[in-house]
Amino acid sequence: AGGSRGAPLQHSFLTDVSDVCEMERGLLSLLSDFHSGKLQAFGEGRGKECSFEQLEHVREMQEKLARLHFGLDVCVEELPEEQKKAAADRNLDQLLAHLEELSSSIQKLHLAESSDPEDA
């Protein structure tokens, strides 16, 4: 189990120049498409647009949910064994409520992006 340590493994993109060139061509093509108008962000031209503020709000909600998840998990670990199940159940209810709120916000963004003013 003790074998000698060889050279550390590296991703091919660090050692294979053709991979880097291919990625560069793909990114330049994507950038060109974006600048030429072939790619449009945030539902442009299709009714309501998602604002950066709305997207930022959803991202903040995602981060808050993640912090809550890890924070609650740490709290449960510190409890005596007989209290862990009840605390875990309460935490799950709290997480699900936050997840439902996040899901609703994401759904509103999706509906705003896909709504067509001609359907109104």
Protein backbone atom coordinates (compact mmCIF):
# COMPACT_ATOMS: atom_id res chain seq x y z
CA ALA A 1 0.00 0.00 0.00
CA GLY A 2 2.99 2.25 0.39
CA GLY A 3 4.12 2.71 -3.31
CA SER A 4 6.26 5.57 -4.43
CA ARG A 5 4.71 8.91 -5.24
CA GLY A 6 4.87 9.63 -8.95
CA ALA A 7 4.21 12.88 -10.73
CA PRO A 8 0.85 14.38 -9.78
CA LEU A 9 -1.97 13.72 -12.22
CA GLN A 10 -2.86 16.68 -14.41
CA HIS A 11 -5.92 17.41 -16.47
CA SER A 12 -5.37 17.07 -20.20
CA PHE A 13 -6.17 20.75 -20.71
CA LEU A 14 -2.97 21.52 -18.79
CA THR A 15 -0.84 19.26 -20.95
CA ASP A 16 -2.62 19.06 -24.34
CA VAL A 17 -2.42 22.30 -26.31
CA SER A 18 -5.02 21.10 -28.82
CA ASP A 19 -7.63 20.96 -26.01
CA VAL A 20 -6.87 24.56 -25.06
CA CYS A 21 -7.08 25.68 -28.70
CA GLU A 22 -10.41 23.90 -29.15
CA MET A 23 -11.85 25.52 -26.00
CA GLU A 24 -10.57 28.91 -27.14
CA ARG A 25 -12.25 28.52 -30.57
CA GLY A 26 -15.52 27.50 -28.91
CA LEU A 27 -15.47 30.46 -26.52
CA LEU A 28 -14.59 32.92 -29.30
CA SER A 29 -17.44 31.53 -31.41
CA LEU A 30 -19.84 31.90 -28.49
CA LEU A 31 -18.67 35.48 -27.91
CA SER A 32 -19.09 36.27 -31.60
CA ASP A 33 -22.63 34.83 -31.60
CA PHE A 34 -23.51 36.90 -28.55
CA HIS A 35 -22.18 40.14 -30.04
CA SER A 36 -23.90 39.50 -33.38
CA GLY A 37 -27.28 39.07 -31.67
CA LYS A 38 -27.62 35.34 -32.37
CA LEU A 39 -27.74 34.77 -28.62
CA GLN A 40 -30.06 36.79 -26.45
CA ALA A 41 -30.07 36.79 -22.68
CA PHE A 42 -32.96 37.07 -20.27
CA GLY A 43 -35.82 36.51 -22.70
CA GLU A 44 -35.14 39.60 -24.79
CA GLY A 45 -37.98 40.28 -27.19
CA ARG A 46 -40.34 37.79 -25.55
CA GLY A 47 -42.45 39.77 -23.13
CA LYS A 48 -41.20 40.53 -19.65
CA GLU A 49 -37.49 40.25 -19.10
CA CYS A 50 -35.74 38.89 -16.04
CA SER A 51 -33.83 41.69 -14.41
CA PHE A 52 -30.40 41.29 -12.91
CA GLU A 53 -32.00 42.25 -9.58
CA GLN A 54 -34.42 39.32 -9.83
CA LEU A 55 -31.61 36.94 -10.72
CA GLU A 56 -29.48 38.32 -7.88
CA HIS A 57 -32.39 37.81 -5.47
CA VAL A 58 -32.72 34.16 -6.50
CA ARG A 59 -28.97 33.63 -6.14
CA GLU A 60 -29.05 35.17 -2.66
CA MET A 61 -31.95 32.88 -1.72
CA GLN A 62 -29.96 29.86 -2.94
CA GLU A 63 -26.96 30.89 -0.87
CA LYS A 64 -29.13 31.53 2.19
CA LEU A 65 -30.71 28.09 1.83
CA ALA A 66 -27.29 26.44 1.55
CA ARG A 67 -25.99 28.27 4.64
CA LEU A 68 -29.13 27.33 6.55
CA HIS A 69 -28.78 23.69 5.52
CA PHE A 70 -25.20 23.43 6.76
CA GLY A 71 -25.91 25.49 9.88
CA LEU A 72 -28.86 23.35 10.91
CA ASP A 73 -26.89 20.18 10.29
CA VAL A 74 -24.14 21.36 12.64
CA CYS A 75 -26.72 22.19 15.32
CA VAL A 76 -28.24 18.71 15.14
CA GLU A 77 -24.84 17.03 15.46
CA GLU A 78 -24.28 18.82 18.78
CA LEU A 79 -27.54 17.56 20.32
CA PRO A 80 -27.92 14.51 22.54
CA GLU A 81 -28.92 11.40 20.59
CA GLU A 82 -32.53 11.36 21.89
CA GLN A 83 -33.17 14.90 20.59
CA LYS A 84 -31.63 14.50 17.14
CA LYS A 85 -34.69 13.00 15.38
CA ALA A 86 -37.10 15.74 16.49
CA ALA A 87 -34.58 18.47 15.66
CA ALA A 88 -33.87 16.93 12.26
CA ASP A 89 -37.62 16.83 11.51
CA ARG A 90 -38.02 20.51 12.49
CA ASN A 91 -35.00 21.43 10.39
CA LEU A 92 -36.36 19.52 7.42
CA ASP A 93 -39.65 21.42 7.68
CA GLN A 94 -37.74 24.72 7.81
CA LEU A 95 -35.56 23.79 4.84
CA LEU A 96 -38.56 22.66 2.79
CA ALA A 97 -40.35 25.95 3.48
CA HIS A 98 -37.31 27.90 2.26
CA LEU A 99 -36.95 25.59 -0.73
CA GLU A 100 -40.60 26.13 -1.64
CA GLU A 101 -40.06 29.91 -1.50
CA LEU A 102 -36.97 29.58 -3.71
CA SER A 103 -38.82 27.34 -6.15
CA SER A 104 -41.66 29.84 -6.36
CA SER A 105 -39.22 32.67 -7.13
CA ILE A 106 -37.52 30.63 -9.84
CA GLN A 107 -40.90 29.68 -11.30
CA LYS A 108 -41.88 33.36 -11.45
CA LEU A 109 -38.68 34.13 -13.38
CA HIS A 110 -39.42 31.30 -15.78
CA LEU A 111 -43.01 32.45 -16.30
CA ALA A 112 -41.91 36.06 -16.82
CA GLU A 113 -39.33 34.96 -19.37
CA SER A 114 -41.67 32.67 -21.30
CA SER A 115 -44.79 34.86 -21.22
CA ASP A 116 -45.82 36.15 -24.61
CA PRO A 117 -47.58 39.55 -24.68
CA GLU A 118 -49.76 38.34 -27.58
CA ASP A 119 -51.28 35.68 -25.27
CA ALA A 120 -52.57 38.32 -22.83
